[in-house]
Protein backbone atom coordinates (compact mmCIF):
# COMPACT_ATOMS: atom_id res chain seq x y z
CA UNK A 1 -6.29 -5.12 10.09
CA UNK A 2 -7.85 -2.31 8.06
CA UNK A 3 -8.14 -2.30 4.44
CA UNK A 4 -5.78 0.23 2.66
CA UNK A 5 -7.42 2.60 0.31
CA UNK A 6 -5.23 3.43 -2.82
CA UNK A 7 -5.71 6.59 -4.89
CA UNK A 8 -3.98 8.12 -7.59
CA UNK A 9 -3.46 11.82 -8.06
CA UNK A 10 -5.83 12.87 -5.07
CA UNK A 11 -3.32 14.93 -2.91
CA UNK A 12 -5.39 18.26 -2.97
CA UNK A 13 -8.57 16.26 -2.07
CA UNK A 14 -6.73 14.30 0.78
CA UNK A 15 -4.87 17.50 1.89
CA UNK A 16 -8.48 19.18 2.32
CA UNK A 17 -9.67 16.28 4.33
CA UNK A 18 -6.83 16.12 6.65
CA UNK A 19 -7.31 19.97 7.28
CA UNK A 20 -10.82 19.38 7.90
CA UNK A 21 -10.02 16.73 10.34
CA UNK A 22 -7.49 18.50 12.14
CA UNK A 23 -10.03 21.59 12.64
CA UNK A 24 -12.69 19.24 13.80
CA UNK A 25 -10.26 17.67 16.42
CA UNK A 26 -9.14 21.13 17.54
CA UNK A 27 -12.89 21.88 18.20
CA UNK A 28 -13.12 18.77 20.22
CA UNK A 29 -15.26 16.88 17.74
CA UNK A 30 -15.10 13.21 18.08
CA UNK A 31 -13.40 11.51 14.77
CA UNK A 32 -14.19 8.31 13.76
CA UNK A 33 -11.28 6.11 12.68
CA UNK A 34 -10.23 7.18 9.29
CA UNK A 35 -9.30 4.61 6.56
CA UNK A 36 -5.73 4.58 5.93
CA UNK A 37 -4.87 5.91 2.55
CA UNK A 38 -2.15 5.54 0.23
CA UNK A 39 -1.92 8.26 -2.51
CA UNK A 40 0.22 7.43 -5.62
CA UNK A 41 1.41 10.30 -7.78
CA UNK A 42 0.95 8.62 -11.02
CA UNK A 43 -0.76 5.47 -12.94
CA UNK A 44 2.99 4.17 -13.30
CA UNK A 45 3.56 4.04 -9.52
CA UNK A 46 -0.14 2.00 -9.28
CA UNK A 47 0.81 -0.21 -11.97
CA UNK A 48 4.08 -1.06 -10.16
CA UNK A 49 2.18 -1.85 -6.81
CA UNK A 50 -0.32 -3.89 -8.81
CA UNK A 51 2.35 -5.96 -10.90
CA UNK A 52 1.45 -9.69 -11.09
CA UNK A 53 4.73 -10.49 -9.15
CA UNK A 54 3.76 -8.12 -6.38
CA UNK A 55 0.17 -9.57 -6.09
CA UNK A 56 1.54 -12.98 -6.28
CA UNK A 57 3.95 -12.07 -3.24
CA UNK A 58 1.13 -10.62 -1.15
CA UNK A 59 -1.05 -13.41 -1.78
CA UNK A 60 1.73 -15.86 -0.83
CA UNK A 61 2.25 -13.87 2.41
CA UNK A 62 -1.41 -14.09 3.07
CA UNK A 63 -1.77 -17.55 2.59
CA UNK A 64 1.49 -19.18 3.90
CA UNK A 65 2.81 -16.64 6.34
CA UNK A 66 6.45 -17.11 5.50
CA UNK A 67 8.75 -16.64 8.10
CA UNK A 68 11.61 -14.90 5.97
CA UNK A 69 12.11 -13.07 2.52
CA UNK A 70 13.85 -16.48 1.56
CA UNK A 71 10.83 -18.49 2.35
CA UNK A 72 8.54 -16.03 0.26
CA UNK A 73 10.84 -16.39 -2.57
CA UNK A 74 10.47 -20.05 -2.59
CA UNK A 75 6.75 -19.82 -2.31
CA UNK A 76 6.58 -17.86 -5.54
CA UNK A 77 9.44 -19.46 -7.05
CA UNK A 78 11.40 -16.53 -7.67
CA UNK A 79 15.18 -15.28 -7.17
CA UNK A 80 15.69 -14.18 -3.56
CA UNK A 81 17.12 -10.89 -4.65
CA UNK A 82 13.99 -9.96 -6.94
CA UNK A 83 11.66 -10.81 -3.97
CA UNK A 84 13.78 -8.77 -1.55
CA UNK A 85 13.79 -5.70 -3.91
CA UNK A 86 9.73 -6.16 -4.47
CA UNK A 87 9.16 -6.50 -0.76
CA UNK A 88 11.49 -3.59 0.11
CA UNK A 89 9.33 -1.53 -2.17
CA UNK A 90 6.26 -2.79 -0.65
CA UNK A 91 7.62 -1.95 2.65
CA UNK A 92 8.48 1.53 1.60
CA UNK A 93 5.00 2.31 0.74
CA UNK A 94 3.49 0.94 3.91
CA UNK A 95 1.81 -2.15 2.26
CA UNK A 96 3.80 -4.83 4.09
CA UNK A 97 6.15 -4.54 7.33
CA UNK A 98 9.14 -6.59 8.40
CA UNK A 99 9.43 -8.31 11.61
CA UNK A 100 12.85 -8.80 13.03
CA UNK A 101 15.90 -6.33 12.76
CA UNK A 102 17.56 -8.38 9.95
CA UNK A 103 20.97 -8.07 11.35
CA UNK A 104 21.81 -11.68 11.53
CA UNK A 105 18.18 -12.59 11.86
CA UNK A 106 15.57 -13.27 8.97
CA UNK A 107 13.17 -10.62 8.47
CA UNK A 108 9.57 -11.69 8.19
CA UNK A 109 7.23 -9.94 5.60
CA UNK A 110 3.82 -9.22 7.16
CA UNK A 111 0.99 -7.71 5.65
CA UNK A 112 0.10 -4.13 7.09
CA UNK A 113 -3.48 -4.56 5.75
CA UNK A 114 -5.96 -7.32 4.93
CA UNK A 115 -6.97 -5.94 1.51
CA UNK A 116 -6.42 -2.96 -1.08
CA UNK A 117 -9.31 -1.09 -2.11
CA UNK A 118 -8.42 0.86 -5.34
CA UNK A 119 -10.03 4.24 -6.22
CA UNK A 120 -9.30 5.72 -9.46
CA UNK A 121 -11.56 8.76 -9.90
CA UNK A 122 -11.79 9.81 -13.90
CA UNK A 123 -12.93 13.16 -13.41
CA UNK A 124 -11.77 15.92 -11.13
CA UNK A 125 -14.32 17.90 -9.19
CA UNK A 126 -14.54 20.66 -11.98
CA UNK A 127 -15.58 18.16 -14.69
CA UNK A 128 -12.32 17.77 -16.68
CA UNK A 129 -11.50 14.26 -17.60
CA UNK A 130 -8.23 12.77 -16.30
CA UNK A 131 -5.92 10.38 -17.86
CA UNK A 132 -7.80 7.05 -17.64
CA UNK A 133 -5.12 4.70 -18.49
CA UNK A 134 -1.53 4.08 -17.17
C-alpha cells in the first residue's frame, strides 16, 4: 500500500501538477506512479483527521485488523455510534475503506494506505506567510 500525502490549501499547485501530468501523458511520456494526495481546505479539517480518537482508531485497525465496526469500537473502548461516525468520515475522505456491503453483514474497516505523510507549507510560492496554526 502507498503512503497518502496530506496537504492543506494546496489546490492551485496540485491543479497545475495535474495539468502537467495530463499534458505529458497526451504527448506519450511515461509517467511514474504518482503518490496519492489528499488536499484539505483548512487546518480545521486537518485537525479533525488527526484527532487523537481518529489516530487511535487507525492504529487499532492497523494492529488488530477488526472484522467489523463493532469490533473496532471494542478495541478502542468507545461507543459504537461514535466509532461508526468517525470511520464513516475517514471513509468519506478515502483514508479507510469498508469491505462488505453492510446490508445485514458487518462492514470491515480496512486501511487504504500504510501511512500518512503530512505536508504543511507555511509560505506560498510568492513568499507570503500563510496561517501557521489551526
